[in-house]
Amino acid sequence: MKTLTIHIPDDLDESYAKTFLAAKLFEKGDLSLGQAADLAGYTKRTFMELLANYDVSIFNYTEIDLIKDVTNA
């Protein structure tokens, strides 16, 4: 695993910054749910619950994919 050092302003909470980064990397598809949860320092369940705070869905479906699935069901 690589180590990254980031200097953040004193008024920015470190936990918030790690969770935000993990959420956005998960949203983009660069990290799995488990990897993102580990990066943020939470369990998968807790991380899934926190994703809503960052406007990230645990479902990586596009609207078109969802329509196709509903049509096929």
PDB file of N, CA and C in Angstrom:
ATOM      1  N   MET A   1       0.838  -1.173   0.000  1.00  0.00           N
ATOM      2  CA  MET A   1       0.000   0.000   0.000  1.00  0.00           C
ATOM      3  C   MET A   1       0.889   1.245   0.000  1.00  0.00           C
ATOM      4  N   LYS A   2       0.487   2.250  -0.747  1.00  0.00           N
ATOM      5  CA  LYS A   2       1.232   3.496  -0.820  1.00  0.00           C
ATOM      6  C   LYS A   2       0.826   4.427   0.314  1.00  0.00           C
ATOM      7  N   THR A   3       1.701   5.347   0.630  1.00  0.00           N
ATOM      8  CA  THR A   3       1.417   6.354   1.645  1.00  0.00           C
ATOM      9  C   THR A   3       1.394   7.717   0.968  1.00  0.00           C
ATOM     10  N   LEU A   4       0.390   8.509   1.309  1.00  0.00           N
ATOM     11  CA  LEU A   4       0.235   9.843   0.761  1.00  0.00           C
ATOM     12  C   LEU A   4       0.132  10.820   1.912  1.00  0.00           C
ATOM     13  N   THR A   5       0.924  11.862   1.864  1.00  0.00           N
ATOM     14  CA  THR A   5       0.863  12.902   2.885  1.00  0.00           C
ATOM     15  C   THR A   5       0.216  14.138   2.268  1.00  0.00           C
ATOM     16  N   ILE A   6      -0.844  14.608   2.919  1.00  0.00           N
ATOM     17  CA  ILE A   6      -1.559  15.793   2.446  1.00  0.00           C
ATOM     18  C   ILE A   6      -1.603  16.804   3.580  1.00  0.00           C
ATOM     19  N   HIS A   7      -1.252  18.017   3.262  1.00  0.00           N
ATOM     20  CA  HIS A   7      -1.348  19.094   4.245  1.00  0.00           C
ATOM     21  C   HIS A   7      -2.711  19.755   4.078  1.00  0.00           C
ATOM     22  N   ILE A   8      -3.505  19.728   5.138  1.00  0.00           N
ATOM     23  CA  ILE A   8      -4.836  20.324   5.099  1.00  0.00           C
ATOM     24  C   ILE A   8      -4.883  21.482   6.085  1.00  0.00           C
ATOM     25  N   PRO A   9      -5.753  22.449   5.847  1.00  0.00           N
ATOM     26  CA  PRO A   9      -5.875  23.574   6.766  1.00  0.00           C
ATOM     27  C   PRO A   9      -6.241  23.090   8.179  1.00  0.00           C
ATOM     28  N   ASP A  10      -5.819  23.850   9.168  1.00  0.00           N
ATOM     29  CA  ASP A  10      -6.082  23.472  10.558  1.00  0.00           C
ATOM     30  C   ASP A  10      -7.566  23.374  10.873  1.00  0.00           C
ATOM     31  N   ASP A  11      -8.383  24.148  10.172  1.00  0.00           N
ATOM     32  CA  ASP A  11      -9.816  24.137  10.470  1.00  0.00           C
ATOM     33  C   ASP A  11     -10.580  23.016   9.751  1.00  0.00           C
ATOM     34  N   LEU A  12      -9.881  22.203   8.964  1.00  0.00           N
ATOM     35  CA  LEU A  12     -10.513  21.081   8.279  1.00  0.00           C
ATOM     36  C   LEU A  12     -10.224  19.796   9.049  1.00  0.00           C
ATOM     37  N   ASP A  13     -11.278  19.103   9.387  1.00  0.00           N
ATOM     38  CA  ASP A  13     -11.155  17.865  10.158  1.00  0.00           C
ATOM     39  C   ASP A  13     -10.519  16.758   9.316  1.00  0.00           C
ATOM     40  N   GLU A  14      -9.521  16.087   9.857  1.00  0.00           N
ATOM     41  CA  GLU A  14      -8.810  15.026   9.126  1.00  0.00           C
ATOM     42  C   GLU A  14      -9.745  13.879   8.759  1.00  0.00           C
ATOM     43  N   SER A  15     -10.619  13.506   9.672  1.00  0.00           N
ATOM     44  CA  SER A  15     -11.556  12.413   9.416  1.00  0.00           C
ATOM     45  C   SER A  15     -12.491  12.767   8.260  1.00  0.00           C
ATOM     46  N   TYR A  16     -12.959  14.002   8.243  1.00  0.00           N
ATOM     47  CA  TYR A  16     -13.824  14.464   7.153  1.00  0.00           C
ATOM     48  C   TYR A  16     -13.089  14.381   5.816  1.00  0.00           C
ATOM     49  N   ALA A  17     -11.844  14.843   5.785  1.00  0.00           N
ATOM     50  CA  ALA A  17     -11.064  14.846   4.548  1.00  0.00           C
ATOM     51  C   ALA A  17     -10.839  13.425   4.035  1.00  0.00           C
ATOM     52  N   LYS A  18     -10.508  12.498   4.939  1.00  0.00           N
ATOM     53  CA  LYS A  18     -10.287  11.108   4.517  1.00  0.00           C
ATOM     54  C   LYS A  18     -11.576  10.481   4.005  1.00  0.00           C
ATOM     55  N   THR A  19     -12.679  10.749   4.696  1.00  0.00           N
ATOM     56  CA  THR A  19     -13.958  10.174   4.285  1.00  0.00           C
ATOM     57  C   THR A  19     -14.413  10.762   2.957  1.00  0.00           C
ATOM     58  N   PHE A  20     -14.228  12.061   2.781  1.00  0.00           N
ATOM     59  CA  PHE A  20     -14.599  12.713   1.529  1.00  0.00           C
ATOM     60  C   PHE A  20     -13.801  12.127   0.362  1.00  0.00           C
ATOM     61  N   LEU A  21     -12.499  12.002   0.545  1.00  0.00           N
ATOM     62  CA  LEU A  21     -11.646  11.432  -0.497  1.00  0.00           C
ATOM     63  C   LEU A  21     -12.070  10.000  -0.816  1.00  0.00           C
ATOM     64  N   ALA A  22     -12.285   9.203   0.207  1.00  0.00           N
ATOM     65  CA  ALA A  22     -12.690   7.810   0.007  1.00  0.00           C
ATOM     66  C   ALA A  22     -14.039   7.734  -0.714  1.00  0.00           C
ATOM     67  N   ALA A  23     -14.982   8.592  -0.328  1.00  0.00           N
ATOM     68  CA  ALA A  23     -16.313   8.596  -0.949  1.00  0.00           C
ATOM     69  C   ALA A  23     -16.223   8.943  -2.426  1.00  0.00           C
ATOM     70  N   LYS A  24     -15.431   9.943  -2.750  1.00  0.00           N
ATOM     71  CA  LYS A  24     -15.323  10.363  -4.141  1.00  0.00           C
ATOM     72  C   LYS A  24     -14.567   9.340  -4.989  1.00  0.00           C
ATOM     73  N   LEU A  25     -13.563   8.700  -4.414  1.00  0.00           N
ATOM     74  CA  LEU A  25     -12.854   7.647  -5.153  1.00  0.00           C
ATOM     75  C   LEU A  25     -13.748   6.428  -5.365  1.00  0.00           C
ATOM     76  N   PHE A  26     -14.608   6.135  -4.391  1.00  0.00           N
ATOM     77  CA  PHE A  26     -15.588   5.055  -4.552  1.00  0.00           C
ATOM     78  C   PHE A  26     -16.596   5.427  -5.635  1.00  0.00           C
ATOM     79  N   GLU A  27     -17.095   6.651  -5.573  1.00  0.00           N
ATOM     80  CA  GLU A  27     -18.088   7.109  -6.550  1.00  0.00           C
ATOM     81  C   GLU A  27     -17.541   7.015  -7.973  1.00  0.00           C
ATOM     82  N   LYS A  28     -16.288   7.371  -8.129  1.00  0.00           N
ATOM     83  CA  LYS A  28     -15.634   7.337  -9.436  1.00  0.00           C
ATOM     84  C   LYS A  28     -15.334   5.916  -9.906  1.00  0.00           C
ATOM     85  N   GLY A  29     -15.343   4.961  -8.982  1.00  0.00           N
ATOM     86  CA  GLY A  29     -15.064   3.577  -9.333  1.00  0.00           C
ATOM     87  C   GLY A  29     -13.608   3.198  -9.175  1.00  0.00           C
ATOM     88  N   ASP A  30     -12.804   4.086  -8.603  1.00  0.00           N
ATOM     89  CA  ASP A  30     -11.385   3.801  -8.412  1.00  0.00           C
ATOM     90  C   ASP A  30     -11.127   2.908  -7.202  1.00  0.00           C
ATOM     91  N   LEU A  31     -12.059   2.893  -6.240  1.00  0.00           N
ATOM     92  CA  LEU A  31     -11.956   2.034  -5.059  1.00  0.00           C
ATOM     93  C   LEU A  31     -13.227   1.234  -4.898  1.00  0.00           C
ATOM     94  N   SER A  32     -13.087   0.007  -4.414  1.00  0.00           N
ATOM     95  CA  SER A  32     -14.266  -0.778  -4.064  1.00  0.00           C
ATOM     96  C   SER A  32     -14.836  -0.224  -2.760  1.00  0.00           C
ATOM     97  N   LEU A  33     -16.000  -0.686  -2.389  1.00  0.00           N
ATOM     98  CA  LEU A  33     -16.612  -0.243  -1.132  1.00  0.00           C
ATOM     99  C   LEU A  33     -15.708  -0.581   0.051  1.00  0.00           C
ATOM    100  N   GLY A  34     -15.161  -1.786   0.071  1.00  0.00           N
ATOM    101  CA  GLY A  34     -14.288  -2.205   1.162  1.00  0.00           C
ATOM    102  C   GLY A  34     -13.008  -1.387   1.226  1.00  0.00           C
ATOM    103  N   GLN A  35     -12.418  -1.117   0.064  1.00  0.00           N
ATOM    104  CA  GLN A  35     -11.190  -0.311   0.031  1.00  0.00           C
ATOM    105  C   GLN A  35     -11.456   1.109   0.517  1.00  0.00           C
ATOM    106  N   ALA A  36     -12.566   1.670   0.081  1.00  0.00           N
ATOM    107  CA  ALA A  36     -12.913   3.034   0.484  1.00  0.00           C
ATOM    108  C   ALA A  36     -13.198   3.101   1.982  1.00  0.00           C
ATOM    109  N   ALA A  37     -13.899   2.103   2.501  1.00  0.00           N
ATOM    110  CA  ALA A  37     -14.185   2.065   3.933  1.00  0.00           C
ATOM    111  C   ALA A  37     -12.889   1.978   4.736  1.00  0.00           C
ATOM    112  N   ASP A  38     -11.969   1.147   4.273  1.00  0.00           N
ATOM    113  CA  ASP A  38     -10.666   1.028   4.945  1.00  0.00           C
ATOM    114  C   ASP A  38      -9.918   2.360   4.924  1.00  0.00           C
ATOM    115  N   LEU A  39      -9.904   3.017   3.780  1.00  0.00           N
ATOM    116  CA  LEU A  39      -9.222   4.298   3.658  1.00  0.00           C
ATOM    117  C   LEU A  39      -9.800   5.325   4.626  1.00  0.00           C
ATOM    118  N   ALA A  40     -11.119   5.321   4.755  1.00  0.00           N
ATOM    119  CA  ALA A  40     -11.786   6.281   5.632  1.00  0.00           C
ATOM    120  C   ALA A  40     -11.692   5.882   7.104  1.00  0.00           C
ATOM    121  N   GLY A  41     -11.394   4.607   7.349  1.00  0.00           N
ATOM    122  CA  GLY A  41     -11.270   4.148   8.728  1.00  0.00           C
ATOM    123  C   GLY A  41     -12.587   3.707   9.344  1.00  0.00           C
ATOM    124  N   TYR A  42     -13.509   3.241   8.510  1.00  0.00           N
ATOM    125  CA  TYR A  42     -14.815   2.792   8.985  1.00  0.00           C
ATOM    126  C   TYR A  42     -15.090   1.363   8.525  1.00  0.00           C
ATOM    127  N   THR A  43     -16.089   0.741   9.134  1.00  0.00           N
ATOM    128  CA  THR A  43     -16.571  -0.536   8.630  1.00  0.00           C
ATOM    129  C   THR A  43     -17.351  -0.260   7.340  1.00  0.00           C
ATOM    130  N   LYS A  44     -17.569  -1.305   6.560  1.00  0.00           N
ATOM    131  CA  LYS A  44     -18.339  -1.131   5.323  1.00  0.00           C
ATOM    132  C   LYS A  44     -19.723  -0.568   5.624  1.00  0.00           C
ATOM    133  N   ARG A  45     -20.365  -1.124   6.636  1.00  0.00           N
ATOM    134  CA  ARG A  45     -21.727  -0.688   6.969  1.00  0.00           C
ATOM    135  C   ARG A  45     -21.765   0.794   7.332  1.00  0.00           C
ATOM    136  N   THR A  46     -20.851   1.217   8.189  1.00  0.00           N
ATOM    137  CA  THR A  46     -20.821   2.615   8.600  1.00  0.00           C
ATOM    138  C   THR A  46     -20.493   3.513   7.413  1.00  0.00           C
ATOM    139  N   PHE A  47     -19.534   3.090   6.598  1.00  0.00           N
ATOM    140  CA  PHE A  47     -19.157   3.881   5.433  1.00  0.00           C
ATOM    141  C   PHE A  47     -20.330   4.033   4.471  1.00  0.00           C
ATOM    142  N   MET A  48     -21.082   2.956   4.256  1.00  0.00           N
ATOM    143  CA  MET A  48     -22.257   3.027   3.381  1.00  0.00           C
ATOM    144  C   MET A  48     -23.249   4.060   3.902  1.00  0.00           C
ATOM    145  N   GLU A  49     -23.439   4.096   5.213  1.00  0.00           N
ATOM    146  CA  GLU A  49     -24.370   5.057   5.807  1.00  0.00           C
ATOM    147  C   GLU A  49     -23.854   6.488   5.648  1.00  0.00           C
ATOM    148  N   LEU A  50     -22.535   6.671   5.691  1.00  0.00           N
ATOM    149  CA  LEU A  50     -21.957   8.009   5.579  1.00  0.00           C
ATOM    150  C   LEU A  50     -21.941   8.540   4.148  1.00  0.00           C
ATOM    151  N   LEU A  51     -22.025   7.662   3.164  1.00  0.00           N
ATOM    152  CA  LEU A  51     -21.949   8.095   1.768  1.00  0.00           C
ATOM    153  C   LEU A  51     -23.014   9.137   1.415  1.00  0.00           C
ATOM    154  N   ALA A  52     -24.177   9.039   2.024  1.00  0.00           N
ATOM    155  CA  ALA A  52     -25.247  10.003   1.739  1.00  0.00           C
ATOM    156  C   ALA A  52     -24.835  11.418   2.116  1.00  0.00           C
ATOM    157  N   ASN A  53     -23.986  11.561   3.123  1.00  0.00           N
ATOM    158  CA  ASN A  53     -23.514  12.894   3.530  1.00  0.00           C
ATOM    159  C   ASN A  53     -22.666  13.556   2.451  1.00  0.00           C
ATOM    160  N   TYR A  54     -22.159  12.755   1.521  1.00  0.00           N
ATOM    161  CA  TYR A  54     -21.292  13.259   0.454  1.00  0.00           C
ATOM    162  C   TYR A  54     -21.964  13.142  -0.916  1.00  0.00           C
ATOM    163  N   ASP A  55     -23.294  12.953  -0.900  1.00  0.00           N
ATOM    164  CA  ASP A  55     -24.091  12.814  -2.131  1.00  0.00           C
ATOM    165  C   ASP A  55     -23.570  11.708  -3.039  1.00  0.00           C
ATOM    166  N   VAL A  56     -23.181  10.587  -2.432  1.00  0.00           N
ATOM    167  CA  VAL A  56     -22.682   9.429  -3.174  1.00  0.00           C
ATOM    168  C   VAL A  56     -23.622   8.261  -2.916  1.00  0.00           C
ATOM    169  N   SER A  57     -24.071   7.628  -3.977  1.00  0.00           N
ATOM    170  CA  SER A  57     -24.953   6.472  -3.872  1.00  0.00           C
ATOM    171  C   SER A  57     -24.121   5.193  -3.792  1.00  0.00           C
ATOM    172  N   ILE A  58     -24.617   4.217  -3.045  1.00  0.00           N
ATOM    173  CA  ILE A  58     -23.926   2.931  -3.003  1.00  0.00           C
ATOM    174  C   ILE A  58     -24.213   2.128  -4.270  1.00  0.00           C
ATOM    175  N   PHE A  59     -25.219   2.555  -5.010  1.00  0.00           N
ATOM    176  CA  PHE A  59     -25.575   1.891  -6.256  1.00  0.00           C
ATOM    177  C   PHE A  59     -24.952   2.667  -7.404  1.00  0.00           C
ATOM    178  N   ASN A  60     -24.060   2.039  -8.135  1.00  0.00           N
ATOM    179  CA  ASN A  60     -23.376   2.710  -9.241  1.00  0.00           C
ATOM    180  C   ASN A  60     -24.091   2.442 -10.561  1.00  0.00           C
ATOM    181  N   TYR A  61     -25.396   2.635 -10.549  1.00  0.00           N
ATOM    182  CA  TYR A  61     -26.186   2.447 -11.758  1.00  0.00           C
ATOM    183  C   TYR A  61     -26.454   3.798 -12.394  1.00  0.00           C
ATOM    184  N   THR A  62     -26.350   3.814 -13.713  1.00  0.00           N
ATOM    185  CA  THR A  62     -26.808   5.001 -14.429  1.00  0.00           C
ATOM    186  C   THR A  62     -28.318   4.873 -14.590  1.00  0.00           C
ATOM    187  N   GLU A  63     -28.961   5.934 -14.962  1.00  0.00           N
ATOM    188  CA  GLU A  63     -30.406   5.906 -15.165  1.00  0.00           C
ATOM    189  C   GLU A  63     -30.767   4.899 -16.255  1.00  0.00           C
ATOM    190  N   ILE A  64     -29.961   4.843 -17.293  1.00  0.00           N
ATOM    191  CA  ILE A  64     -30.211   3.915 -18.407  1.00  0.00           C
ATOM    192  C   ILE A  64     -30.104   2.467 -17.937  1.00  0.00           C
ATOM    193  N   ASP A  65     -29.072   2.160 -17.129  1.00  0.00           N
ATOM    194  CA  ASP A  65     -28.925   0.805 -16.598  1.00  0.00           C
ATOM    195  C   ASP A  65     -30.129   0.412 -15.752  1.00  0.00           C
ATOM    196  N   LEU A  66     -30.597   1.328 -14.943  1.00  0.00           N
ATOM    197  CA  LEU A  66     -31.749   1.056 -14.090  1.00  0.00           C
ATOM    198  C   LEU A  66     -33.002   0.798 -14.920  1.00  0.00           C
ATOM    199  N   ILE A  67     -33.222   1.583 -15.945  1.00  0.00           N
ATOM    200  CA  ILE A  67     -34.375   1.384 -16.825  1.00  0.00           C
ATOM    201  C   ILE A  67     -34.310   0.032 -17.512  1.00  0.00           C
ATOM    202  N   LYS A  68     -33.123  -0.348 -17.985  1.00  0.00           N
ATOM    203  CA  LYS A  68     -32.945  -1.660 -18.612  1.00  0.00           C
ATOM    204  C   LYS A  68     -33.263  -2.783 -17.632  1.00  0.00           C
ATOM    205  N   ASP A  69     -32.782  -2.665 -16.406  1.00  0.00           N
ATOM    206  CA  ASP A  69     -33.033  -3.708 -15.407  1.00  0.00           C
ATOM    207  C   ASP A  69     -34.520  -3.824 -15.086  1.00  0.00           C
ATOM    208  N   VAL A  70     -35.185  -2.701 -14.957  1.00  0.00           N
ATOM    209  CA  VAL A  70     -36.628  -2.721 -14.662  1.00  0.00           C
ATOM    210  C   VAL A  70     -37.393  -3.321 -15.840  1.00  0.00           C
ATOM    211  N   THR A  71     -36.989  -2.964 -17.052  1.00  0.00           N
ATOM    212  CA  THR A  71     -37.636  -3.514 -18.248  1.00  0.00           C
ATOM    213  C   THR A  71     -37.449  -5.019 -18.350  1.00  0.00           C
ATOM    214  N   ASN A  72     -36.267  -5.502 -18.005  1.00  0.00           N
ATOM    215  CA  ASN A  72     -35.956  -6.938 -18.082  1.00  0.00           C
ATOM    216  C   ASN A  72     -36.575  -7.737 -16.951  1.00  0.00           C
ATOM    217  N   ALA A  73     -36.998  -7.076 -15.893  1.00  0.00           N
ATOM    218  CA  ALA A  73     -37.508  -7.801 -14.713  1.00  0.00           C
ATOM    219  C   ALA A  73     -38.860  -8.363 -14.920  1.00  0.00           C
TER     220      ALA A  73
END
